[in-house]
Amino acid sequence: MADKVVVAVYKSSRKDETYLYVKKQDGLNKIPESLLTVFGEPQPVMTLVLHSEKKLARVTADQVLDAITEQGFYLQMPPPKEEYLVALPDELLCFNDPE
């Protein structure tokens, strides 16, 4: 894949925290119909220039670029539920602090 790729990011209309990354020039043409059925209507979120040094929240840019090269898209799923349950109590407890 080229050093820099213009990527379009879409969020799912059916699944929270679920996103599709595709090459901007390809659009949604390479997304399997079965995936789109589960994903729902793709809602545009942003367009960005992706390269190896670009920082992303949950994965590396190289992982996204590799998936786009291999299958035409990268599907970002939400973090496992266990992470929510572990982090949630501390986040909520700080609101009970009287100071």
PDB file of N, CA and C in Angstrom:
ATOM      1  N   MET A   1       0.857  -1.178   0.000  1.00  0.00           N
ATOM      2  CA  MET A   1       0.000   0.000   0.000  1.00  0.00           C
ATOM      3  C   MET A   1       0.898   1.235   0.000  1.00  0.00           C
ATOM      4  N   ALA A   2       0.386   2.325  -0.528  1.00  0.00           N
ATOM      5  CA  ALA A   2       1.147   3.575  -0.603  1.00  0.00           C
ATOM      6  C   ALA A   2       1.488   4.082   0.792  1.00  0.00           C
ATOM      7  N   ASP A   3       2.445   5.016   0.847  1.00  0.00           N
ATOM      8  CA  ASP A   3       2.854   5.571   2.135  1.00  0.00           C
ATOM      9  C   ASP A   3       1.712   6.273   2.853  1.00  0.00           C
ATOM     10  N   LYS A   4       0.906   6.997   2.107  1.00  0.00           N
ATOM     11  CA  LYS A   4      -0.239   7.706   2.680  1.00  0.00           C
ATOM     12  C   LYS A   4      -1.491   7.328   1.902  1.00  0.00           C
ATOM     13  N   VAL A   5      -2.573   7.085   2.643  1.00  0.00           N
ATOM     14  CA  VAL A   5      -3.836   6.693   2.026  1.00  0.00           C
ATOM     15  C   VAL A   5      -4.944   7.575   2.590  1.00  0.00           C
ATOM     16  N   VAL A   6      -5.785   8.093   1.717  1.00  0.00           N
ATOM     17  CA  VAL A   6      -6.948   8.859   2.158  1.00  0.00           C
ATOM     18  C   VAL A   6      -8.040   7.845   2.500  1.00  0.00           C
ATOM     19  N   VAL A   7      -8.474   7.885   3.748  1.00  0.00           N
ATOM     20  CA  VAL A   7      -9.414   6.903   4.282  1.00  0.00           C
ATOM     21  C   VAL A   7     -10.706   7.596   4.701  1.00  0.00           C
ATOM     22  N   ALA A   8     -11.830   6.964   4.369  1.00  0.00           N
ATOM     23  CA  ALA A   8     -13.139   7.422   4.839  1.00  0.00           C
ATOM     24  C   ALA A   8     -13.554   6.511   5.988  1.00  0.00           C
ATOM     25  N   VAL A   9     -14.111   7.115   7.041  1.00  0.00           N
ATOM     26  CA  VAL A   9     -14.544   6.356   8.213  1.00  0.00           C
ATOM     27  C   VAL A   9     -16.062   6.517   8.342  1.00  0.00           C
ATOM     28  N   TYR A  10     -16.738   5.385   8.528  1.00  0.00           N
ATOM     29  CA  TYR A  10     -18.188   5.361   8.684  1.00  0.00           C
ATOM     30  C   TYR A  10     -18.542   4.701  10.001  1.00  0.00           C
ATOM     31  N   LYS A  11     -19.573   5.206  10.668  1.00  0.00           N
ATOM     32  CA  LYS A  11     -20.045   4.544  11.884  1.00  0.00           C
ATOM     33  C   LYS A  11     -21.302   3.757  11.559  1.00  0.00           C
ATOM     34  N   SER A  12     -21.540   2.739  12.351  1.00  0.00           N
ATOM     35  CA  SER A  12     -22.691   1.879  12.169  1.00  0.00           C
ATOM     36  C   SER A  12     -23.951   2.548  12.707  1.00  0.00           C
ATOM     37  N   SER A  13     -25.052   2.360  11.995  1.00  0.00           N
ATOM     38  CA  SER A  13     -26.330   2.860  12.485  1.00  0.00           C
ATOM     39  C   SER A  13     -26.988   1.854  13.429  1.00  0.00           C
ATOM     40  N   ARG A  14     -26.405   0.655  13.534  1.00  0.00           N
ATOM     41  CA  ARG A  14     -27.000  -0.400  14.357  1.00  0.00           C
ATOM     42  C   ARG A  14     -26.152  -0.835  15.541  1.00  0.00           C
ATOM     43  N   LYS A  15     -24.849  -0.677  15.441  1.00  0.00           N
ATOM     44  CA  LYS A  15     -23.944  -1.177  16.475  1.00  0.00           C
ATOM     45  C   LYS A  15     -23.118  -0.025  17.046  1.00  0.00           C
ATOM     46  N   ASP A  16     -23.285   0.253  18.335  1.00  0.00           N
ATOM     47  CA  ASP A  16     -22.511   1.311  18.979  1.00  0.00           C
ATOM     48  C   ASP A  16     -21.018   1.033  18.889  1.00  0.00           C
ATOM     49  N   GLU A  17     -20.247   2.097  18.719  1.00  0.00           N
ATOM     50  CA  GLU A  17     -18.785   2.046  18.700  1.00  0.00           C
ATOM     51  C   GLU A  17     -18.236   1.095  17.636  1.00  0.00           C
ATOM     52  N   THR A  18     -18.936   0.960  16.528  1.00  0.00           N
ATOM     53  CA  THR A  18     -18.499   0.104  15.429  1.00  0.00           C
ATOM     54  C   THR A  18     -18.289   0.979  14.197  1.00  0.00           C
ATOM     55  N   TYR A  19     -17.098   0.861  13.600  1.00  0.00           N
ATOM     56  CA  TYR A  19     -16.717   1.740  12.492  1.00  0.00           C
ATOM     57  C   TYR A  19     -16.096   0.941  11.349  1.00  0.00           C
ATOM     58  N   LEU A  20     -16.295   1.429  10.129  1.00  0.00           N
ATOM     59  CA  LEU A  20     -15.659   0.887   8.937  1.00  0.00           C
ATOM     60  C   LEU A  20     -14.683   1.913   8.397  1.00  0.00           C
ATOM     61  N   TYR A  21     -13.466   1.466   8.101  1.00  0.00           N
ATOM     62  CA  TYR A  21     -12.454   2.297   7.457  1.00  0.00           C
ATOM     63  C   TYR A  21     -12.287   1.753   6.040  1.00  0.00           C
ATOM     64  N   VAL A  22     -12.377   2.615   5.035  1.00  0.00           N
ATOM     65  CA  VAL A  22     -12.201   2.215   3.639  1.00  0.00           C
ATOM     66  C   VAL A  22     -11.370   3.269   2.920  1.00  0.00           C
ATOM     67  N   LYS A  23     -10.755   2.859   1.792  1.00  0.00           N
ATOM     68  CA  LYS A  23     -10.086   3.850   0.958  1.00  0.00           C
ATOM     69  C   LYS A  23     -11.164   4.792   0.425  1.00  0.00           C
ATOM     70  N   LYS A  24     -10.930   6.077   0.540  1.00  0.00           N
ATOM     71  CA  LYS A  24     -11.896   7.082   0.101  1.00  0.00           C
ATOM     72  C   LYS A  24     -12.298   6.848  -1.354  1.00  0.00           C
ATOM     73  N   GLN A  25     -11.323   6.560  -2.212  1.00  0.00           N
ATOM     74  CA  GLN A  25     -11.607   6.399  -3.635  1.00  0.00           C
ATOM     75  C   GLN A  25     -12.464   5.165  -3.922  1.00  0.00           C
ATOM     76  N   ASP A  26     -12.410   4.137  -3.055  1.00  0.00           N
ATOM     77  CA  ASP A  26     -13.205   2.918  -3.256  1.00  0.00           C
ATOM     78  C   ASP A  26     -14.603   3.044  -2.653  1.00  0.00           C
ATOM     79  N   GLY A  27     -14.740   3.914  -1.658  1.00  0.00           N
ATOM     80  CA  GLY A  27     -16.025   4.023  -0.975  1.00  0.00           C
ATOM     81  C   GLY A  27     -16.413   2.693  -0.354  1.00  0.00           C
ATOM     82  N   LEU A  28     -17.683   2.377  -0.415  1.00  0.00           N
ATOM     83  CA  LEU A  28     -18.198   1.157   0.206  1.00  0.00           C
ATOM     84  C   LEU A  28     -18.310   0.002  -0.789  1.00  0.00           C
ATOM     85  N   ASN A  29     -17.709   0.143  -1.958  1.00  0.00           N
ATOM     86  CA  ASN A  29     -17.829  -0.857  -3.021  1.00  0.00           C
ATOM     87  C   ASN A  29     -17.271  -2.227  -2.646  1.00  0.00           C
ATOM     88  N   LYS A  30     -16.300  -2.305  -1.760  1.00  0.00           N
ATOM     89  CA  LYS A  30     -15.659  -3.579  -1.419  1.00  0.00           C
ATOM     90  C   LYS A  30     -16.218  -4.202  -0.136  1.00  0.00           C
ATOM     91  N   ILE A  31     -17.246  -3.598   0.431  1.00  0.00           N
ATOM     92  CA  ILE A  31     -17.828  -4.120   1.674  1.00  0.00           C
ATOM     93  C   ILE A  31     -18.822  -5.229   1.316  1.00  0.00           C
ATOM     94  N   PRO A  32     -18.665  -6.428   1.900  1.00  0.00           N
ATOM     95  CA  PRO A  32     -19.620  -7.506   1.616  1.00  0.00           C
ATOM     96  C   PRO A  32     -21.039  -7.116   2.035  1.00  0.00           C
ATOM     97  N   GLU A  33     -22.009  -7.509   1.236  1.00  0.00           N
ATOM     98  CA  GLU A  33     -23.411  -7.197   1.525  1.00  0.00           C
ATOM     99  C   GLU A  33     -23.833  -7.746   2.891  1.00  0.00           C
ATOM    100  N   SER A  34     -23.322  -8.923   3.252  1.00  0.00           N
ATOM    101  CA  SER A  34     -23.673  -9.513   4.545  1.00  0.00           C
ATOM    102  C   SER A  34     -23.197  -8.646   5.709  1.00  0.00           C
ATOM    103  N   LEU A  35     -22.032  -8.018   5.554  1.00  0.00           N
ATOM    104  CA  LEU A  35     -21.531  -7.115   6.592  1.00  0.00           C
ATOM    105  C   LEU A  35     -22.393  -5.860   6.663  1.00  0.00           C
ATOM    106  N   LEU A  36     -22.746  -5.307   5.526  1.00  0.00           N
ATOM    107  CA  LEU A  36     -23.585  -4.102   5.508  1.00  0.00           C
ATOM    108  C   LEU A  36     -24.960  -4.368   6.114  1.00  0.00           C
ATOM    109  N   THR A  37     -25.479  -5.582   5.966  1.00  0.00           N
ATOM    110  CA  THR A  37     -26.772  -5.926   6.552  1.00  0.00           C
ATOM    111  C   THR A  37     -26.708  -5.828   8.072  1.00  0.00           C
ATOM    112  N   VAL A  38     -25.632  -6.344   8.650  1.00  0.00           N
ATOM    113  CA  VAL A  38     -25.458  -6.290  10.110  1.00  0.00           C
ATOM    114  C   VAL A  38     -25.051  -4.889  10.555  1.00  0.00           C
ATOM    115  N   PHE A  39     -24.196  -4.235   9.790  1.00  0.00           N
ATOM    116  CA  PHE A  39     -23.654  -2.915  10.123  1.00  0.00           C
ATOM    117  C   PHE A  39     -24.740  -1.837  10.086  1.00  0.00           C
ATOM    118  N   GLY A  40     -25.691  -1.996   9.174  1.00  0.00           N
ATOM    119  CA  GLY A  40     -26.723  -0.980   9.009  1.00  0.00           C
ATOM    120  C   GLY A  40     -26.269   0.088   8.031  1.00  0.00           C
ATOM    121  N   GLU A  41     -27.000   1.168   7.967  1.00  0.00           N
ATOM    122  CA  GLU A  41     -26.678   2.273   7.062  1.00  0.00           C
ATOM    123  C   GLU A  41     -25.391   2.956   7.520  1.00  0.00           C
ATOM    124  N   PRO A  42     -24.322   2.884   6.711  1.00  0.00           N
ATOM    125  CA  PRO A  42     -23.062   3.545   7.102  1.00  0.00           C
ATOM    126  C   PRO A  42     -23.243   5.064   7.154  1.00  0.00           C
ATOM    127  N   GLN A  43     -22.842   5.649   8.264  1.00  0.00           N
ATOM    128  CA  GLN A  43     -22.952   7.091   8.452  1.00  0.00           C
ATOM    129  C   GLN A  43     -21.552   7.695   8.423  1.00  0.00           C
ATOM    130  N   PRO A  44     -21.279   8.594   7.458  1.00  0.00           N
ATOM    131  CA  PRO A  44     -19.939   9.186   7.365  1.00  0.00           C
ATOM    132  C   PRO A  44     -19.554   9.912   8.657  1.00  0.00           C
ATOM    133  N   VAL A  45     -18.323   9.680   9.093  1.00  0.00           N
ATOM    134  CA  VAL A  45     -17.812  10.313  10.309  1.00  0.00           C
ATOM    135  C   VAL A  45     -16.698  11.290   9.971  1.00  0.00           C
ATOM    136  N   MET A  46     -15.721  10.822   9.187  1.00  0.00           N
ATOM    137  CA  MET A  46     -14.581  11.681   8.864  1.00  0.00           C
ATOM    138  C   MET A  46     -13.802  11.101   7.702  1.00  0.00           C
ATOM    139  N   THR A  47     -12.953  11.931   7.156  1.00  0.00           N
ATOM    140  CA  THR A  47     -11.969  11.529   6.161  1.00  0.00           C
ATOM    141  C   THR A  47     -10.610  11.911   6.726  1.00  0.00           C
ATOM    142  N   LEU A  48      -9.646  11.009   6.623  1.00  0.00           N
ATOM    143  CA  LEU A  48      -8.320  11.308   7.147  1.00  0.00           C
ATOM    144  C   LEU A  48      -7.242  10.697   6.275  1.00  0.00           C
ATOM    145  N   VAL A  49      -6.060  11.265   6.370  1.00  0.00           N
ATOM    146  CA  VAL A  49      -4.902  10.723   5.675  1.00  0.00           C
ATOM    147  C   VAL A  49      -4.208   9.791   6.656  1.00  0.00           C
ATOM    148  N   LEU A  50      -4.126   8.526   6.278  1.00  0.00           N
ATOM    149  CA  LEU A  50      -3.566   7.517   7.164  1.00  0.00           C
ATOM    150  C   LEU A  50      -2.175   7.114   6.675  1.00  0.00           C
ATOM    151  N   HIS A  51      -1.231   7.054   7.601  1.00  0.00           N
ATOM    152  CA  HIS A  51       0.142   6.632   7.323  1.00  0.00           C
ATOM    153  C   HIS A  51       0.679   5.947   8.575  1.00  0.00           C
ATOM    154  N   SER A  52       1.790   5.285   8.457  1.00  0.00           N
ATOM    155  CA  SER A  52       2.332   4.466   9.547  1.00  0.00           C
ATOM    156  C   SER A  52       2.486   5.198  10.874  1.00  0.00           C
ATOM    157  N   GLU A  53       2.822   6.470  10.838  1.00  0.00           N
ATOM    158  CA  GLU A  53       3.068   7.220  12.068  1.00  0.00           C
ATOM    159  C   GLU A  53       1.792   7.804  12.689  1.00  0.00           C
ATOM    160  N   LYS A  54       0.671   7.695  12.004  1.00  0.00           N
ATOM    161  CA  LYS A  54      -0.590   8.269  12.501  1.00  0.00           C
ATOM    162  C   LYS A  54      -1.031   7.512  13.747  1.00  0.00           C
ATOM    163  N   LYS A  55      -1.383   8.246  14.795  1.00  0.00           N
ATOM    164  CA  LYS A  55      -1.845   7.649  16.046  1.00  0.00           C
ATOM    165  C   LYS A  55      -3.357   7.454  15.995  1.00  0.00           C
ATOM    166  N   LEU A  56      -3.793   6.252  16.334  1.00  0.00           N
ATOM    167  CA  LEU A  56      -5.213   5.926  16.431  1.00  0.00           C
ATOM    168  C   LEU A  56      -5.487   5.419  17.839  1.00  0.00           C
ATOM    169  N   ALA A  57      -6.736   5.463  18.250  1.00  0.00           N
ATOM    170  CA  ALA A  57      -7.080   5.137  19.632  1.00  0.00           C
ATOM    171  C   ALA A  57      -6.955   3.656  19.982  1.00  0.00           C
ATOM    172  N   ARG A  58      -7.424   2.761  19.118  1.00  0.00           N
ATOM    173  CA  ARG A  58      -7.517   1.354  19.513  1.00  0.00           C
ATOM    174  C   ARG A  58      -6.580   0.405  18.779  1.00  0.00           C
ATOM    175  N   VAL A  59      -6.112   0.795  17.618  1.00  0.00           N
ATOM    176  CA  VAL A  59      -5.218  -0.058  16.828  1.00  0.00           C
ATOM    177  C   VAL A  59      -4.149   0.813  16.194  1.00  0.00           C
ATOM    178  N   THR A  60      -3.180   0.163  15.565  1.00  0.00           N
ATOM    179  CA  THR A  60      -2.166   0.941  14.865  1.00  0.00           C
ATOM    180  C   THR A  60      -2.657   1.262  13.456  1.00  0.00           C
ATOM    181  N   ALA A  61      -2.128   2.312  12.899  1.00  0.00           N
ATOM    182  CA  ALA A  61      -2.467   2.681  11.522  1.00  0.00           C
ATOM    183  C   ALA A  61      -2.073   1.565  10.573  1.00  0.00           C
ATOM    184  N   ASP A  62      -0.962   0.887  10.858  1.00  0.00           N
ATOM    185  CA  ASP A  62      -0.528  -0.219  10.004  1.00  0.00           C
ATOM    186  C   ASP A  62      -1.547  -1.355   9.985  1.00  0.00           C
ATOM    187  N   GLN A  63      -2.189  -1.641  11.110  1.00  0.00           N
ATOM    188  CA  GLN A  63      -3.214  -2.683  11.143  1.00  0.00           C
ATOM    189  C   GLN A  63      -4.387  -2.311  10.235  1.00  0.00           C
ATOM    190  N   VAL A  64      -4.788  -1.053  10.286  1.00  0.00           N
ATOM    191  CA  VAL A  64      -5.890  -0.579   9.443  1.00  0.00           C
ATOM    192  C   VAL A  64      -5.482  -0.650   7.980  1.00  0.00           C
ATOM    193  N   LEU A  65      -4.297  -0.159   7.659  1.00  0.00           N
ATOM    194  CA  LEU A  65      -3.830  -0.154   6.275  1.00  0.00           C
ATOM    195  C   LEU A  65      -3.670  -1.573   5.734  1.00  0.00           C
ATOM    196  N   ASP A  66      -3.157  -2.488   6.541  1.00  0.00           N
ATOM    197  CA  ASP A  66      -3.012  -3.881   6.113  1.00  0.00           C
ATOM    198  C   ASP A  66      -4.370  -4.513   5.804  1.00  0.00           C
ATOM    199  N   ALA A  67      -5.353  -4.277   6.670  1.00  0.00           N
ATOM    200  CA  ALA A  67      -6.688  -4.837   6.452  1.00  0.00           C
ATOM    201  C   ALA A  67      -7.323  -4.256   5.193  1.00  0.00           C
ATOM    202  N   ILE A  68      -7.150  -2.968   4.969  1.00  0.00           N
ATOM    203  CA  ILE A  68      -7.693  -2.340   3.765  1.00  0.00           C
ATOM    204  C   ILE A  68      -7.035  -2.939   2.524  1.00  0.00           C
ATOM    205  N   THR A  69      -5.742  -3.191   2.581  1.00  0.00           N
ATOM    206  CA  THR A  69      -5.033  -3.797   1.454  1.00  0.00           C
ATOM    207  C   THR A  69      -5.526  -5.222   1.204  1.00  0.00           C
ATOM    208  N   GLU A  70      -5.679  -5.994   2.270  1.00  0.00           N
ATOM    209  CA  GLU A  70      -6.037  -7.410   2.142  1.00  0.00           C
ATOM    210  C   GLU A  70      -7.500  -7.646   1.803  1.00  0.00           C
ATOM    211  N   GLN A  71      -8.412  -6.898   2.448  1.00  0.00           N
ATOM    212  CA  GLN A  71      -9.834  -7.194   2.264  1.00  0.00           C
ATOM    213  C   GLN A  71     -10.672  -6.016   1.791  1.00  0.00           C
ATOM    214  N   GLY A  72     -10.050  -4.849   1.659  1.00  0.00           N
ATOM    215  CA  GLY A  72     -10.778  -3.690   1.155  1.00  0.00           C
ATOM    216  C   GLY A  72     -11.400  -2.822   2.227  1.00  0.00           C
ATOM    217  N   PHE A  73     -11.282  -3.227   3.508  1.00  0.00           N
ATOM    218  CA  PHE A  73     -11.856  -2.456   4.609  1.00  0.00           C
ATOM    219  C   PHE A  73     -11.242  -2.910   5.925  1.00  0.00           C
ATOM    220  N   TYR A  74     -11.417  -2.064   6.952  1.00  0.00           N
ATOM    221  CA  TYR A  74     -11.066  -2.439   8.319  1.00  0.00           C
ATOM    222  C   TYR A  74     -12.315  -2.213   9.159  1.00  0.00           C
ATOM    223  N   LEU A  75     -12.729  -3.213   9.927  1.00  0.00           N
ATOM    224  CA  LEU A  75     -13.893  -3.109  10.793  1.00  0.00           C
ATOM    225  C   LEU A  75     -13.418  -2.950  12.225  1.00  0.00           C
ATOM    226  N   GLN A  76     -13.743  -1.803  12.838  1.00  0.00           N
ATOM    227  CA  GLN A  76     -13.381  -1.549  14.240  1.00  0.00           C
ATOM    228  C   GLN A  76     -14.583  -1.861  15.108  1.00  0.00           C
ATOM    229  N   MET A  77     -14.401  -2.816  15.995  1.00  0.00           N
ATOM    230  CA  MET A  77     -15.461  -3.234  16.915  1.00  0.00           C
ATOM    231  C   MET A  77     -15.284  -2.532  18.258  1.00  0.00           C
ATOM    232  N   PRO A  78     -16.344  -2.486  19.068  1.00  0.00           N
ATOM    233  CA  PRO A  78     -16.197  -1.885  20.399  1.00  0.00           C
ATOM    234  C   PRO A  78     -15.309  -2.750  21.286  1.00  0.00           C
ATOM    235  N   PRO A  79     -14.736  -2.147  22.328  1.00  0.00           N
ATOM    236  CA  PRO A  79     -13.911  -2.950  23.248  1.00  0.00           C
ATOM    237  C   PRO A  79     -14.783  -3.993  23.945  1.00  0.00           C
ATOM    238  N   PRO A  80     -14.169  -5.071  24.422  1.00  0.00           N
ATOM    239  CA  PRO A  80     -14.938  -6.108  25.130  1.00  0.00           C
ATOM    240  C   PRO A  80     -15.665  -5.529  26.344  1.00  0.00           C
ATOM    241  N   LYS A  81     -16.783  -6.097  26.675  1.00  0.00           N
ATOM    242  CA  LYS A  81     -17.601  -5.621  27.801  1.00  0.00           C
ATOM    243  C   LYS A  81     -16.839  -5.631  29.116  1.00  0.00           C
ATOM    244  N   GLU A  82     -15.948  -6.592  29.295  1.00  0.00           N
ATOM    245  CA  GLU A  82     -15.204  -6.679  30.550  1.00  0.00           C
ATOM    246  C   GLU A  82     -14.441  -5.392  30.845  1.00  0.00           C
ATOM    247  N   GLU A  83     -13.906  -4.753  29.802  1.00  0.00           N
ATOM    248  CA  GLU A  83     -13.175  -3.506  30.014  1.00  0.00           C
ATOM    249  C   GLU A  83     -14.100  -2.422  30.557  1.00  0.00           C
ATOM    250  N   TYR A  84     -15.333  -2.402  30.085  1.00  0.00           N
ATOM    251  CA  TYR A  84     -16.302  -1.432  30.605  1.00  0.00           C
ATOM    252  C   TYR A  84     -16.557  -1.687  32.085  1.00  0.00           C
ATOM    253  N   LEU A  85     -16.747  -2.951  32.447  1.00  0.00           N
ATOM    254  CA  LEU A  85     -17.089  -3.288  33.823  1.00  0.00           C
ATOM    255  C   LEU A  85     -15.943  -3.012  34.778  1.00  0.00           C
ATOM    256  N   VAL A  86     -14.723  -3.231  34.340  1.00  0.00           N
ATOM    257  CA  VAL A  86     -13.566  -2.983  35.188  1.00  0.00           C
ATOM    258  C   VAL A  86     -13.379  -1.480  35.392  1.00  0.00           C
ATOM    259  N   ALA A  87     -13.541  -0.679  34.359  1.00  0.00           N
ATOM    260  CA  ALA A  87     -13.287   0.751  34.436  1.00  0.00           C
ATOM    261  C   ALA A  87     -14.457   1.526  35.038  1.00  0.00           C
ATOM    262  N   LEU A  88     -15.642   1.028  34.902  1.00  0.00           N
ATOM    263  CA  LEU A  88     -16.824   1.770  35.306  1.00  0.00           C
ATOM    264  C   LEU A  88     -16.863   2.152  36.788  1.00  0.00           C
ATOM    265  N   PRO A  89     -16.630   1.241  37.719  1.00  0.00           N
ATOM    266  CA  PRO A  89     -16.747   1.633  39.127  1.00  0.00           C
ATOM    267  C   PRO A  89     -15.831   2.786  39.533  1.00  0.00           C
ATOM    268  N   ASP A  90     -14.584   2.764  39.136  1.00  0.00           N
ATOM    269  CA  ASP A  90     -13.671   3.855  39.500  1.00  0.00           C
ATOM    270  C   ASP A  90     -14.132   5.176  38.907  1.00  0.00           C
ATOM    271  N   GLU A  91     -14.610   5.142  37.682  1.00  0.00           N
ATOM    272  CA  GLU A  91     -15.093   6.360  37.040  1.00  0.00           C
ATOM    273  C   GLU A  91     -16.294   6.932  37.781  1.00  0.00           C
ATOM    274  N   LEU A  92     -17.166   6.057  38.228  1.00  0.00           N
ATOM    275  CA  LEU A  92     -18.365   6.523  38.931  1.00  0.00           C
ATOM    276  C   LEU A  92     -18.071   6.920  40.374  1.00  0.00           C
ATOM    277  N   LEU A  93     -17.161   6.204  41.023  1.00  0.00           N
ATOM    278  CA  LEU A  93     -16.853   6.493  42.418  1.00  0.00           C
ATOM    279  C   LEU A  93     -16.262   7.889  42.609  1.00  0.00           C
ATOM    280  N   CYS A  94     -15.554   8.389  41.643  1.00  0.00           N
ATOM    281  CA  CYS A  94     -14.957   9.713  41.785  1.00  0.00           C
ATOM    282  C   CYS A  94     -16.027  10.799  41.913  1.00  0.00           C
ATOM    283  N   PHE A  95     -17.240  10.540  41.446  1.00  0.00           N
ATOM    284  CA  PHE A  95     -18.315  11.524  41.559  1.00  0.00           C
ATOM    285  C   PHE A  95     -18.884  11.572  42.978  1.00  0.00           C
ATOM    286  N   ASN A  96     -18.632  10.530  43.774  1.00  0.00           N
ATOM    287  CA  ASN A  96     -19.124  10.485  45.134  1.00  0.00           C
ATOM    288  C   ASN A  96     -18.166  11.141  46.125  1.00  0.00           C
ATOM    289  N   ASP A  97     -16.998  11.502  45.668  1.00  0.00           N
ATOM    290  CA  ASP A  97     -15.986  12.112  46.516  1.00  0.00           C
ATOM    291  C   ASP A  97     -16.461  13.506  46.955  1.00  0.00           C
ATOM    292  N   PRO A  98     -16.613  13.762  48.262  1.00  0.00           N
ATOM    293  CA  PRO A  98     -17.130  15.064  48.726  1.00  0.00           C
ATOM    294  C   PRO A  98     -16.160  16.224  48.504  1.00  0.00           C
ATOM    295  N   GLU A  99     -14.897  15.956  48.242  1.00  0.00           N
ATOM    296  CA  GLU A  99     -13.913  17.041  48.088  1.00  0.00           C
ATOM    297  C   GLU A  99     -13.953  17.667  46.748  1.00  0.00           C
TER     298      GLU A  99
END
